[in-house]
Protein backbone atom coordinates (compact mmCIF):
# COMPACT_ATOMS: atom_id res chain seq x y z
CA UNK A 1 0.00 0.00 0.00
CA UNK A 2 1.18 3.51 -0.75
CA UNK A 3 1.92 5.78 2.17
CA UNK A 4 -0.26 8.82 2.56
CA UNK A 5 1.31 12.24 2.16
CA UNK A 6 -0.13 15.59 3.11
CA UNK A 7 1.29 18.98 2.20
CA UNK A 8 -0.66 22.04 3.32
CA UNK A 9 0.07 25.54 2.11
CA UNK A 10 -1.64 28.65 3.42
CA UNK A 11 -2.49 31.88 1.64
CA UNK A 12 -1.36 30.59 -1.72
CA UNK A 13 -3.05 33.07 -4.05
CA UNK A 14 -5.48 35.92 -4.11
CA UNK A 15 -8.04 37.49 -6.34
CA UNK A 16 -7.40 40.90 -7.86
CA UNK A 17 -9.90 43.09 -6.05
CA UNK A 18 -11.35 46.38 -7.20
CA UNK A 19 -9.67 48.20 -4.30
CA UNK A 20 -6.14 47.28 -5.40
CA UNK A 21 -4.72 50.48 -6.90
CA UNK A 22 -1.14 49.43 -7.67
CA UNK A 23 0.25 46.02 -8.61
CA UNK A 24 3.80 45.74 -9.93
CA UNK A 25 6.00 42.67 -10.25
CA UNK A 26 8.59 44.66 -12.26
CA UNK A 27 8.15 42.29 -15.19
CA UNK A 28 8.97 43.06 -18.83
CA UNK A 29 11.91 42.89 -21.20
CA UNK A 30 13.33 46.36 -20.47
CA UNK A 31 15.96 46.97 -17.79
CA UNK A 32 14.92 50.37 -16.41
CA UNK A 33 11.83 50.99 -14.28
CA UNK A 34 11.08 54.18 -16.20
CA UNK A 35 10.47 51.99 -19.25
CA UNK A 36 7.80 49.92 -17.47
CA UNK A 37 5.51 52.61 -16.04
CA UNK A 38 7.59 54.55 -13.51
CA UNK A 39 8.43 58.26 -13.88
CA UNK A 40 11.72 59.97 -13.06
CA UNK A 41 11.72 62.67 -10.35
CA UNK A 42 13.77 65.72 -11.34
CA UNK A 43 16.50 65.73 -13.96
CA UNK A 44 19.07 63.40 -12.37
CA UNK A 45 19.38 60.28 -14.49
CA UNK A 46 22.65 59.09 -12.92
CA UNK A 47 22.43 55.48 -11.74
CA UNK A 48 18.92 54.80 -13.08
CA UNK A 49 16.93 52.29 -11.06
CA UNK A 50 17.21 48.95 -12.83
CA UNK A 51 15.46 45.64 -12.38
CA UNK A 52 17.05 42.23 -12.19
CA UNK A 53 16.26 38.54 -11.86
CA UNK A 54 15.73 36.23 -10.15
CA UNK A 55 12.53 37.47 -8.55
CA UNK A 56 12.35 37.66 -4.78
CA UNK A 57 10.75 34.70 -3.02
CA UNK A 58 8.74 34.87 0.20
CA UNK A 59 6.68 31.69 0.74
CA UNK A 60 2.95 32.36 1.06
CA UNK A 61 3.01 35.89 -0.41
CA UNK A 62 0.85 36.28 -3.50
CA UNK A 63 3.67 37.80 -5.62
CA UNK A 64 6.43 35.48 -4.46
CA UNK A 65 8.72 34.43 -7.30
CA UNK A 66 6.94 36.59 -9.90
CA UNK A 67 8.58 38.94 -12.40
CA UNK A 68 11.80 40.62 -11.31
CA UNK A 69 13.05 42.96 -8.58
CA UNK A 70 13.87 46.68 -8.50
CA UNK A 71 17.47 47.43 -7.47
CA UNK A 72 17.99 50.49 -5.26
CA UNK A 73 21.60 51.54 -4.63
CA UNK A 74 23.16 54.34 -2.56
CA UNK A 75 22.66 57.31 -4.89
CA UNK A 76 21.13 58.25 -8.24
CA UNK A 77 17.74 58.39 -9.90
CA UNK A 78 14.50 58.65 -7.88
CA UNK A 79 11.18 57.59 -9.41
CA UNK A 80 7.44 57.34 -8.73
CA UNK A 81 4.43 55.41 -10.01
CA UNK A 82 0.84 56.69 -10.05
CA UNK A 83 -2.01 54.75 -8.51
CA UNK A 84 -4.81 53.68 -10.80
CA UNK A 85 -7.30 55.73 -8.70
CA UNK A 86 -7.67 59.23 -10.12
CA UNK A 87 -6.79 61.83 -7.48
CA UNK A 88 -5.43 59.20 -5.12
CA UNK A 89 -6.67 58.29 -1.63
CA UNK A 90 -7.31 60.93 1.08
CA UNK A 91 -9.63 59.16 3.52
CA UNK A 92 -9.61 55.84 5.36
CA UNK A 93 -6.32 53.99 5.10
CA UNK A 94 -3.81 52.57 2.63
CA UNK A 95 -1.80 49.33 2.77
CA UNK A 96 1.35 48.89 0.67
CA UNK A 97 3.00 45.46 0.72
CA UNK A 98 6.21 44.31 -0.95
CA UNK A 99 9.18 41.99 -0.51
CA UNK A 100 12.60 43.48 0.33
CA UNK A 101 16.08 42.02 0.53
CA UNK A 102 18.82 44.33 1.89
CA UNK A 103 22.42 43.58 0.96
CA UNK A 104 23.85 46.55 2.90
CA UNK A 105 22.83 49.41 5.18
CA UNK A 106 24.67 52.35 6.73
CA UNK A 107 24.85 53.62 10.29
CA UNK A 108 23.20 57.00 9.71
CA UNK A 109 20.32 55.55 7.72
CA UNK A 110 18.05 57.10 5.08
CA UNK A 111 14.62 56.59 3.55
CA UNK A 112 14.15 54.58 0.37
CA UNK A 113 10.35 54.57 -0.14
CA UNK A 114 7.59 57.11 0.43
CA UNK A 115 4.11 58.21 -0.62
CA UNK A 116 3.33 61.27 -2.75
CA UNK A 117 0.12 63.17 -3.57
CA UNK A 118 -1.06 62.87 -7.16
CA UNK A 119 0.21 66.30 -8.19
CA UNK A 120 3.55 66.39 -6.34
CA UNK A 121 7.08 65.03 -6.68
CA UNK A 122 8.39 66.56 -3.46
CA UNK A 123 5.71 66.27 -0.75
CA UNK A 124 7.08 62.94 0.49
CA UNK A 125 5.24 61.47 3.46
CA UNK A 126 4.89 58.06 5.06
CA UNK A 127 8.65 57.63 4.53
CA UNK A 128 10.32 54.26 5.16
CA UNK A 129 13.90 54.28 6.55
CA UNK A 130 16.61 51.66 7.04
CA UNK A 131 19.93 51.83 8.90
CA UNK A 132 22.63 49.44 10.05
CA UNK A 133 22.14 48.21 13.64
CA UNK A 134 25.08 45.78 13.93
CA UNK A 135 27.25 43.84 11.48
CA UNK A 136 24.89 41.85 9.25
CA UNK A 137 21.66 43.40 10.63
CA UNK A 138 19.51 46.47 10.03
CA UNK A 139 16.59 48.28 11.64
CA UNK A 140 13.67 50.00 9.94
CA UNK A 141 11.60 53.07 10.78
CA UNK A 142 8.68 55.19 9.64
CA UNK A 143 7.97 58.88 9.83
CA UNK A 144 4.82 60.69 8.78
CA UNK A 145 6.26 63.91 7.42
CA UNK A 146 9.29 65.60 9.02
CA UNK A 147 9.33 63.86 12.40
CA UNK A 148 12.33 61.91 13.72
CA UNK A 149 12.08 58.33 12.38
CA UNK A 150 10.81 55.81 14.94
CA UNK A 151 13.26 52.90 14.50
CA UNK A 152 12.18 49.36 15.31
CA UNK A 153 13.31 47.47 18.39
CA UNK A 154 13.83 44.36 16.27
CA UNK A 155 16.71 43.92 13.85
CA UNK A 156 16.53 42.02 10.56
CA UNK A 157 19.23 40.05 8.78
CA UNK A 158 20.87 41.34 5.64
CA UNK A 159 20.64 39.16 2.53
CA UNK A 160 17.32 37.65 3.59
CA UNK A 161 13.93 38.43 2.06
CA UNK A 162 11.34 39.94 4.38
CA UNK A 163 7.73 40.94 3.73
CA UNK A 164 6.99 44.63 4.40
CA UNK A 165 3.57 46.23 4.87
CA UNK A 166 3.30 50.03 5.20
CA UNK A 167 -0.02 51.30 6.53
CA UNK A 168 -1.07 54.97 6.30
CA UNK A 169 -4.19 56.11 8.20
CA UNK A 170 -6.05 59.36 7.51
CA UNK A 171 -7.42 60.02 10.98
CA UNK A 172 -9.50 63.14 10.18
CA UNK A 173 -10.30 65.13 7.06
CA UNK A 174 -9.99 68.52 8.78
CA UNK A 175 -6.44 68.24 10.13
CA UNK A 176 -3.06 67.74 8.48
CA UNK A 177 -1.28 66.87 11.72
CA UNK A 178 -2.91 63.74 13.12
CA UNK A 179 -2.44 61.07 10.44
CA UNK A 180 -0.65 57.85 11.45
CA UNK A 181 1.85 55.59 9.73
CA UNK A 182 2.61 51.97 10.68
CA UNK A 183 5.14 49.43 9.47
CA UNK A 184 4.88 45.63 9.74
CA UNK A 185 7.85 43.41 8.83
CA UNK A 186 7.57 39.61 8.63
CA UNK A 187 10.32 36.96 8.44
CA UNK A 188 7.93 34.10 7.67
CA UNK A 189 4.25 33.55 7.11
CA UNK A 190 1.54 35.89 5.86
CA UNK A 191 -0.96 36.79 8.61
CA UNK A 192 -4.63 36.65 7.69
CA UNK A 193 -5.38 39.74 9.77
CA UNK A 194 -3.48 42.86 10.73
CA UNK A 195 -1.17 42.34 13.73
CA UNK A 196 -1.98 44.27 16.89
CA UNK A 197 1.59 45.57 17.28
CA UNK A 198 3.48 47.21 14.41
CA UNK A 199 7.23 47.01 13.86
CA UNK A 200 7.39 50.83 13.72
CA UNK A 201 4.78 53.54 14.36
CA UNK A 202 4.51 57.34 14.07
CA UNK A 203 1.37 59.35 14.88
CA UNK A 204 -0.06 62.63 16.19
CA UNK A 205 2.87 64.72 15.03
CA UNK A 206 2.73 68.51 15.15
CA UNK A 207 4.03 69.19 11.63
CA UNK A 208 1.44 70.53 9.19
CA UNK A 209 1.75 68.33 6.13
CA UNK A 210 0.76 69.86 2.80
CA UNK A 211 -1.76 67.97 0.63
CA UNK A 212 -2.30 64.91 2.83
CA UNK A 213 -3.22 62.35 0.16
CA UNK A 214 -1.66 59.32 -1.49
CA UNK A 215 -1.65 59.20 -5.28
CA UNK A 216 1.85 57.92 -5.98
CA UNK A 217 4.50 55.59 -4.58
CA UNK A 218 8.10 56.79 -4.74
CA UNK A 219 11.35 54.77 -4.74
CA UNK A 220 14.45 56.72 -3.65
CA UNK A 221 18.15 55.89 -3.83
CA UNK A 222 19.11 58.35 -1.09
CA UNK A 223 22.54 59.70 -0.33
CA UNK A 224 25.79 57.82 -0.86
CA UNK A 225 26.79 58.14 2.82
CA UNK A 226 23.45 57.13 4.36
CA UNK A 227 21.39 54.96 2.01
CA UNK A 228 20.93 51.20 1.95
CA UNK A 229 21.24 48.82 -0.99
CA UNK A 230 18.02 46.86 -1.41
CA UNK A 231 16.05 44.77 -3.93
CA UNK A 232 12.26 45.25 -3.89
CA UNK A 233 9.64 43.01 -5.50
CA UNK A 234 5.93 42.19 -5.63
CA UNK A 235 4.44 45.60 -4.84
CA UNK A 236 0.71 45.78 -3.97
CA UNK A 237 -1.31 48.78 -2.72
CA UNK A 238 -4.95 48.84 -1.59
CA UNK A 239 -7.25 50.31 1.04
CA UNK A 240 -7.94 47.15 3.03
CA UNK A 241 -5.76 44.44 4.58
CA UNK A 242 -8.00 41.64 3.34
CA UNK A 243 -9.06 43.08 -0.02
CA UNK A 244 -5.72 44.47 -1.12
CA UNK A 245 -2.11 43.59 -0.55
CA UNK A 246 -2.70 40.63 1.74
CA UNK A 247 -6.09 39.14 0.92
CA UNK A 248 -6.80 35.62 2.07
CA UNK A 249 -8.79 33.57 -0.38
CA UNK A 250 -7.09 30.17 -0.39
CA UNK A 251 -6.74 29.02 3.20
CA UNK A 252 -5.52 25.47 2.52
CA UNK A 253 -4.37 23.20 -0.32
CA UNK A 254 -3.75 19.51 0.40
CA UNK A 255 -2.79 16.38 -1.51
CA UNK A 256 -3.28 12.73 -0.52
CA UNK A 257 -1.78 9.68 -2.27
CA UNK A 258 -3.71 6.40 -2.31
CA UNK A 259 -3.76 3.10 -4.19
CA UNK A 260 -5.97 4.51 -6.95
CA UNK A 261 -4.50 7.98 -7.40
CA UNK A 262 -4.05 11.38 -5.77
CA UNK A 263 -6.85 13.35 -4.16
CA UNK A 264 -6.47 17.13 -4.02
CA UNK A 265 -8.48 19.21 -1.55
CA UNK A 266 -8.53 22.97 -1.01
CA UNK A 267 -10.52 25.49 0.99
CA UNK A 268 -11.34 29.16 0.39
CA UNK A 269 -12.28 31.57 3.16
CA UNK A 270 -13.66 34.23 0.79
CA UNK A 271 -14.30 34.63 -2.92
CA UNK A 272 -14.93 37.62 -5.16
CA UNK A 273 -15.79 37.11 -8.86
CA UNK A 274 -14.29 33.62 -8.73
CA UNK A 275 -14.98 31.70 -11.95
CA UNK A 276 -13.10 28.64 -10.78
CA UNK A 277 -9.87 26.67 -10.58
CA UNK A 278 -7.77 24.98 -13.22
CA UNK A 279 -5.79 22.07 -11.77
CA UNK A 280 -2.27 21.82 -13.16
CA UNK A 281 0.13 18.89 -12.84
CA UNK A 282 3.86 18.35 -13.33
CA UNK A 283 6.40 15.58 -12.96
CA UNK A 284 9.33 17.97 -12.44
CA UNK A 285 7.78 21.11 -10.80
CA UNK A 286 8.72 23.12 -13.90
CA UNK A 287 6.51 22.13 -16.86
CA UNK A 288 2.81 22.05 -15.88
CA UNK A 289 -0.23 20.84 -17.83
CA UNK A 290 -3.92 21.39 -17.18
CA UNK A 291 -5.70 18.22 -16.07
CA UNK A 292 -9.07 19.55 -14.93
CA UNK A 293 -11.32 22.44 -13.91
CA UNK A 294 -13.52 22.99 -10.84
CA UNK A 295 -16.10 25.80 -10.92
CA UNK A 296 -15.99 28.45 -8.18
CA UNK A 297 -18.86 30.03 -6.25
CA UNK A 298 -18.50 33.55 -7.66
CA UNK A 299 -18.85 35.66 -4.51
CA UNK A 300 -18.77 34.25 -1.00
CA UNK A 301 -17.60 35.15 2.49
CA UNK A 302 -18.08 31.61 3.79
CA UNK A 303 -15.64 28.72 4.04
CA UNK A 304 -15.94 26.55 0.93
CA UNK A 305 -14.24 23.19 0.33
CA UNK A 306 -13.24 21.82 -3.09
CA UNK A 307 -11.69 18.56 -4.28
CA UNK A 308 -10.33 16.87 -7.40
CA UNK A 309 -9.13 13.30 -8.02
CA UNK A 310 -6.22 12.45 -10.33
CA UNK A 311 -6.13 8.75 -11.25
CA UNK A 312 -3.40 9.10 -13.90
CA UNK A 313 -0.31 8.61 -11.73
CA UNK A 314 2.95 7.50 -13.32
CA UNK A 315 5.63 8.07 -10.67
CA UNK A 316 6.21 8.16 -6.95
CA UNK A 317 6.13 11.96 -6.78
CA UNK A 318 3.77 14.42 -8.52
CA UNK A 319 3.57 18.22 -8.30
CA UNK A 320 0.33 20.20 -8.41
CA UNK A 321 -0.79 23.83 -8.41
CA UNK A 322 -4.10 25.67 -8.77
CA UNK A 323 -4.77 28.42 -11.27
CA UNK A 324 -7.58 30.57 -9.92
CA UNK A 325 -9.51 32.44 -12.65
CA UNK A 326 -11.70 35.52 -12.16
CA UNK A 327 -14.87 36.20 -14.14
CA UNK A 328 -12.97 38.79 -16.20
CA UNK A 329 -10.23 36.30 -17.13
CA UNK A 330 -7.55 37.47 -14.70
CA UNK A 331 -5.74 34.64 -12.97
CA UNK A 332 -3.21 33.83 -10.26
CA UNK A 333 -1.44 30.69 -9.05
CA UNK A 334 -1.28 28.86 -5.75
CA UNK A 335 1.89 27.51 -4.24
CA UNK A 336 3.07 24.15 -5.60
CA UNK A 337 2.39 21.06 -3.50
CA UNK A 338 3.99 17.64 -3.77
CA UNK A 339 2.13 14.34 -3.49
CA UNK A 340 3.97 11.02 -3.43
CA UNK A 341 4.36 7.63 -1.85
CA UNK A 342 7.78 8.28 -0.33
CA UNK A 343 6.73 11.29 1.74
CA UNK A 344 5.78 11.64 5.36
CA UNK A 345 2.36 12.82 6.50
CA UNK A 346 2.18 14.81 9.73
CA UNK A 347 -1.22 15.89 11.02
CA UNK A 348 -1.73 18.69 13.55
CA UNK A 349 -4.69 18.57 15.93
CA UNK A 350 -6.82 19.98 17.34
CA UNK A 351 -7.23 23.17 15.32
CA UNK A 352 -8.34 25.48 16.88
CA UNK A 353 -6.42 24.43 20.01
CA UNK A 354 -6.20 25.53 23.64
CA UNK A 355 -3.44 24.16 25.89
CA UNK A 356 -1.80 21.52 23.67
CA UNK A 357 -1.41 20.53 20.05
CA UNK A 358 -0.53 17.05 18.82
CA UNK A 359 1.68 16.03 15.91
CA UNK A 360 0.97 12.61 14.47
CA UNK A 361 2.90 10.90 11.67
CA UNK A 362 2.08 8.07 9.29
CA UNK A 363 5.70 6.88 9.58
CA UNK A 364 7.66 6.04 12.72
CA UNK A 365 11.17 7.10 13.69
CA UNK A 366 11.29 10.08 11.33
CA UNK A 367 13.36 13.06 12.53
CA UNK A 368 11.59 16.41 12.24
CA UNK A 369 11.95 20.01 13.33
CA UNK A 370 8.76 21.84 14.30
CA UNK A 371 8.36 25.56 14.98
CA UNK A 372 5.31 27.51 16.14
CA UNK A 373 5.55 31.03 14.71
CA UNK A 374 3.40 34.06 15.58
CA UNK A 375 2.01 36.47 12.97
CA UNK A 376 5.00 38.80 13.34
CA UNK A 377 7.35 35.99 12.29
CA UNK A 378 8.80 35.29 15.75
CA UNK A 379 9.38 31.67 16.74
CA UNK A 380 7.50 30.94 19.98
CA UNK A 381 8.12 27.17 20.25
CA UNK A 382 10.80 25.02 18.63
CA UNK A 383 11.24 21.25 19.01
CA UNK A 384 13.46 18.64 17.36
CA UNK A 385 13.32 14.87 17.47
CA UNK A 386 11.67 11.77 16.10
CA UNK A 387 7.95 11.50 15.57
CA UNK A 388 6.75 8.21 17.02
CA UNK A 389 3.00 8.04 16.51
CA UNK A 390 2.13 11.20 18.46
CA UNK A 391 3.99 14.17 19.99
CA UNK A 392 2.30 16.59 22.38
CA UNK A 393 3.35 20.27 22.39
CA UNK A 394 2.52 22.44 25.42
CA UNK A 395 0.93 25.70 24.25
CA UNK A 396 -0.42 27.03 27.56
CA UNK A 397 1.91 30.05 27.50
CA UNK A 398 0.75 31.20 24.05
CA UNK A 399 -1.73 34.08 23.81
CA UNK A 400 -4.97 33.61 21.90
CA UNK A 401 -4.68 34.30 18.19
CA UNK A 402 -3.36 33.07 14.84
CA UNK A 403 -0.08 31.15 14.53
CA UNK A 404 1.74 29.06 11.94
CA UNK A 405 3.39 25.71 12.58
CA UNK A 406 6.29 24.87 10.27
CA UNK A 407 7.40 21.22 10.13
CA UNK A 408 10.58 20.18 8.34
CA UNK A 409 11.42 16.61 7.41
CA UNK A 410 14.60 16.51 5.35
CA UNK A 411 13.86 18.47 2.18
CA UNK A 412 10.11 18.64 2.82
CA UNK A 413 8.56 21.60 4.64
CA UNK A 414 4.94 21.74 5.74
CA UNK A 415 3.41 25.01 6.96
CA UNK A 416 -0.02 25.11 8.55
CA UNK A 417 -2.15 27.90 9.94
CA UNK A 418 -3.40 27.21 13.47
CA UNK A 419 -5.56 29.19 15.90
CA UNK A 420 -5.51 29.28 19.68
CA UNK A 421 -8.88 29.89 21.34
């Protein structure tokens, strides 16, 4: 009998919602960003901002591995890109998400990204800073307008890709001094809801900012003595955490091997204009072919389960992905999962949990590493050892909320979203 294998991926893809006003994977055949929709600020064309491959990868993020990355160095051209919303946003809030990988930072620090009103190239606000904190590590900060940057308590490793989310809040329409800016930085996982505590925060400043609105996003190369060197990829801007840069549509995607074939199962937590899912299959994780289609529910805010059975199995290991298609023909891909007879299945229960969670394997004496990670990317529990039928993990000290459990078995990594009640 074949062994069962389960691989679960969370937050694999998203729909393109009407409230997403900027989406840029820096794709295209040209090298400069000004040739793919960005506009130069001023007359300085020295060191134009270029793009390069490979694309940045952050598992679970909707734009992971797509397109290319923008390269920001320590001095030269600055650029901006307009939102698709005429006049920009001046009420409510804005969320801008992107991947960033810093190769260097400097002690003094400088800002490399900011917001602009639709009609300005100089009224930079919601500015994002980076500076060196210790050899190999950097800190980040936000300021709203001209205030002193509020640098993070946490440091982040150079040469590693993190997920950034900048949040700008228009607190009132009658004042230019009380808006707030927040920064969230994640080392792993993509939270399904906005964390309670930001990485950096600036609010209620006394400076009177001109034209408080967001109509453009600016990338800046800073000064040679202060600026960082960073690659940026997968930029998304919208007015809602769920409907914009970090929407959660696909909450799970599983595969099970059996005697007769492979069963695929997936769950959505919300759907907007969802026509359905094409199921794609590969023997090498590179060349995929369509093997089926499952219709979607259109619009839904309820949990919906789907399944598909593949009885044409030729080898011990098969790769699958979902292509989600909107009613207007737009599409996006899930993460790739692997199903095969030589893999280990590890189940996590209960979910939601309270004081303990159990890991149970379909194979004995298999060495694993398991980590429970909070929504900010911090590891709260880490265990190593062999899984022999069932392992209990004490979770009494964890606060209520959403976590991720990451289980590694050799070259296989399973990541699951879990909730403590």
